[in-house]
Amino acid sequence: MKTSLPGFAIMSLLSSTMVWADALDDVKKQFIGDYELATYVSFPAAGGEIDNDYIGRLSYDRFGNMSGLGMPRNLPERQSTSTERLTSGFGYWGSVSFNLDNNTVIHHVEGSPMVAQWVGGENVRFFEFVGHDILKLSLKDQNGRVAGERISRPGAVPSLRGQWSQVCPKTLLFL
């Protein structure tokens, strides 16, 4: 069977599209699960790093949705010594998309009671899996360093890195 040059080009394009789609499906499956915040570090513009000492949960479902909650570990203690209602932390949910060329996950924020200006925006994070149960999410500058500002978030923390440990085995999630 003879294949013409245009036919070969179409077959090559279809083949590479299928490989990309398989890679995207693999990444989506790897994200599905519930994670517990292990570390949450900020990098001020002036330099150095700050361990925010947060606790939190992050969830990705099989339908392309996510939710994340986090608060300072000492918030209940601070509240016990205050007569005012204290709030601090983050909480938001929305749909998820991925850019595999940049290794980013995009949280399309649909709701955020703690940071209302996030609603309708995108929280873009670089992702890296370490083994089967650690997910690292971070902001990076154009040189790949953990630095810079949140994308389209005026007044946000200059930069951050979070590390999440999976709470339950993935095998329980694929029923």
Protein backbone atom coordinates (compact mmCIF):
# COMPACT_ATOMS: atom_id res chain seq x y z
CA MET A 1 0.00 0.00 0.00
CA LYS A 2 1.36 3.38 -1.01
CA THR A 3 0.95 6.35 1.30
CA SER A 4 1.10 9.86 -0.09
CA LEU A 5 2.98 12.63 1.68
CA PRO A 6 -0.27 14.39 2.77
CA GLY A 7 -1.63 11.04 3.97
CA PHE A 8 1.54 10.40 5.96
CA ALA A 9 1.31 13.89 7.51
CA ILE A 10 -2.29 13.30 8.57
CA MET A 11 -1.44 9.89 10.05
CA SER A 12 1.50 11.40 11.96
CA LEU A 13 -0.67 14.21 13.28
CA LEU A 14 -3.36 11.77 14.42
CA SER A 15 -0.76 9.56 16.07
CA SER A 16 0.84 12.45 17.99
CA THR A 17 -2.61 13.74 19.01
CA MET A 18 -3.48 10.30 20.39
CA VAL A 19 -0.20 10.16 22.36
CA TRP A 20 -0.88 13.65 23.79
CA ALA A 21 -4.45 12.66 24.72
CA ASP A 22 -3.14 9.52 26.46
CA ALA A 23 -0.60 11.62 28.40
CA LEU A 24 -3.35 14.06 29.43
CA ASP A 25 -5.58 11.18 30.59
CA ASP A 26 -2.68 9.76 32.62
CA VAL A 27 -2.09 13.13 34.34
CA LYS A 28 -5.80 13.56 35.08
CA LYS A 29 -5.93 10.09 36.66
CA GLN A 30 -2.81 10.80 38.70
CA PHE A 31 -4.40 13.95 40.17
CA ILE A 32 -7.63 12.26 41.27
CA GLY A 33 -7.68 11.93 45.03
CA ASP A 34 -7.63 13.70 48.36
CA TYR A 35 -4.45 15.34 49.61
CA GLU A 36 -3.36 16.70 52.98
CA LEU A 37 -1.12 19.77 53.10
CA ALA A 38 2.40 18.78 54.15
CA THR A 39 4.20 22.13 53.66
CA TYR A 40 3.16 25.62 52.62
CA VAL A 41 6.04 28.03 52.08
CA SER A 42 5.98 31.66 50.89
CA PHE A 43 8.88 33.49 49.29
CA PRO A 44 8.70 37.25 50.00
CA ALA A 45 9.95 39.62 47.30
CA ALA A 46 12.66 40.79 49.72
CA GLY A 47 14.12 37.26 49.83
CA GLY A 48 14.16 34.30 52.17
CA GLU A 49 11.29 31.91 52.81
CA ILE A 50 8.49 31.67 55.35
CA ASP A 51 6.94 28.41 56.55
CA ASN A 52 3.27 29.39 56.87
CA ASP A 53 2.53 26.42 59.18
CA TYR A 54 -0.80 25.67 57.52
CA ILE A 55 -3.03 22.63 57.60
CA GLY A 56 -5.35 21.87 54.72
CA ARG A 57 -7.00 19.55 52.23
CA LEU A 58 -7.01 19.52 48.45
CA SER A 59 -9.28 17.28 46.37
CA TYR A 60 -9.52 16.48 42.67
CA ASP A 61 -12.43 14.39 41.39
CA ARG A 62 -12.82 12.29 38.25
CA PHE A 63 -15.19 14.87 36.72
CA GLY A 64 -12.53 17.59 36.42
CA ASN A 65 -13.35 19.52 39.61
CA MET A 66 -11.22 20.55 42.57
CA SER A 67 -11.57 22.12 45.99
CA GLY A 68 -8.95 23.37 48.39
CA LEU A 69 -9.10 24.47 52.02
CA GLY A 70 -6.30 25.66 54.27
CA MET A 71 -5.76 27.60 57.47
CA PRO A 72 -2.98 28.49 59.88
CA ARG A 73 -2.40 25.61 62.28
CA ASN A 74 -2.64 27.99 65.27
CA LEU A 75 -5.96 29.63 64.26
CA PRO A 76 -8.04 27.80 66.93
CA GLU A 77 -5.52 28.84 69.61
CA ARG A 78 -5.58 32.45 68.41
CA GLN A 79 -9.39 32.40 68.40
CA SER A 80 -9.49 31.15 72.00
CA THR A 81 -7.71 34.31 73.16
CA SER A 82 -9.76 36.76 71.07
CA THR A 83 -13.20 38.26 71.50
CA GLU A 84 -13.39 38.97 67.74
CA ARG A 85 -14.26 36.37 65.09
CA LEU A 86 -10.97 35.48 63.38
CA THR A 87 -10.69 34.21 59.82
CA SER A 88 -7.55 33.33 57.94
CA GLY A 89 -6.57 30.94 55.21
CA PHE A 90 -7.94 29.97 51.84
CA GLY A 91 -10.93 28.07 50.53
CA TYR A 92 -12.03 27.75 46.92
CA TRP A 93 -13.42 25.35 44.33
CA GLY A 94 -13.84 25.09 40.60
CA SER A 95 -13.03 23.13 37.50
CA VAL A 96 -9.54 22.05 36.48
CA SER A 97 -7.56 22.03 33.25
CA PHE A 98 -3.96 21.18 32.46
CA ASN A 99 -1.19 22.54 30.27
CA LEU A 100 1.22 19.63 29.81
CA ASP A 101 3.69 21.73 27.82
CA ASN A 102 4.27 23.87 30.92
CA ASN A 103 3.48 21.20 33.55
CA THR A 104 0.76 23.40 35.01
CA VAL A 105 -2.62 22.72 36.53
CA ILE A 106 -5.17 25.53 36.22
CA HIS A 107 -7.83 25.90 38.90
CA HIS A 108 -10.72 27.84 37.33
CA VAL A 109 -12.16 29.43 40.48
CA GLU A 110 -15.95 29.29 40.68
CA GLY A 111 -16.30 30.07 44.39
CA SER A 112 -14.08 31.44 47.15
CA PRO A 113 -15.63 32.74 50.38
CA MET A 114 -12.24 33.77 51.81
CA VAL A 115 -10.85 35.59 48.73
CA ALA A 116 -13.83 36.83 46.72
CA GLN A 117 -11.65 38.47 44.03
CA TRP A 118 -10.45 34.98 42.97
CA VAL A 119 -13.94 34.09 41.65
CA GLY A 120 -13.90 34.01 37.86
CA GLY A 121 -10.09 33.89 37.78
CA GLU A 122 -7.49 31.20 37.45
CA ASN A 123 -5.02 29.90 40.01
CA VAL A 124 -2.20 28.45 37.92
CA ARG A 125 0.29 26.11 39.59
CA PHE A 126 3.29 24.17 38.35
CA PHE A 127 2.92 20.54 39.37
CA GLU A 128 5.27 17.69 40.10
CA PHE A 129 4.52 14.25 41.48
CA VAL A 130 7.09 12.71 43.80
CA GLY A 131 6.42 9.00 43.94
CA HIS A 132 2.76 7.98 44.04
CA ASP A 133 1.55 10.03 46.98
CA ILE A 134 3.26 13.45 46.99
CA LEU A 135 1.99 16.32 44.81
CA LYS A 136 4.04 19.53 44.71
CA LEU A 137 2.29 22.69 43.50
CA SER A 138 4.25 25.92 43.09
CA LEU A 139 4.53 29.26 41.39
CA LYS A 140 7.66 29.78 39.31
CA ASP A 141 9.30 32.60 37.39
CA GLN A 142 10.33 32.39 33.72
CA ASN A 143 13.67 30.82 34.76
CA GLY A 144 11.97 27.95 36.60
CA ARG A 145 12.76 29.27 40.08
CA VAL A 146 10.08 29.19 42.74
CA ALA A 147 9.45 32.94 42.70
CA GLY A 148 7.16 35.54 41.14
CA GLU A 149 3.56 36.52 41.66
CA ARG A 150 0.29 34.74 41.32
CA ILE A 151 -1.05 34.96 37.83
CA SER A 152 -3.79 37.59 37.52
CA ARG A 153 -4.08 38.05 41.29
CA PRO A 154 -3.44 41.66 42.33
CA GLY A 155 -2.22 41.98 45.91
CA ALA A 156 -1.55 38.26 46.32
CA VAL A 157 1.30 36.60 48.18
CA PRO A 158 4.48 37.16 46.10
CA SER A 159 5.05 33.45 45.64
CA LEU A 160 4.45 30.11 47.26
CA ARG A 161 5.11 26.40 47.19
CA GLY A 162 2.84 23.74 48.62
CA GLN A 163 3.43 20.06 49.07
CA TRP A 164 0.46 17.76 49.46
CA SER A 165 0.48 14.13 50.65
CA GLN A 166 -2.24 11.82 49.41
CA VAL A 167 -4.65 10.89 52.20
CA CYS A 168 -5.98 7.56 50.93
CA PRO A 169 -4.70 5.06 48.36
CA LYS A 170 -5.80 5.72 44.79
CA THR A 171 -7.05 2.17 44.43
CA LEU A 172 -9.97 3.12 46.67
CA LEU A 173 -10.91 5.96 44.33
CA PHE A 174 -11.26 3.95 41.11
CA LEU A 175 -14.47 2.03 41.75
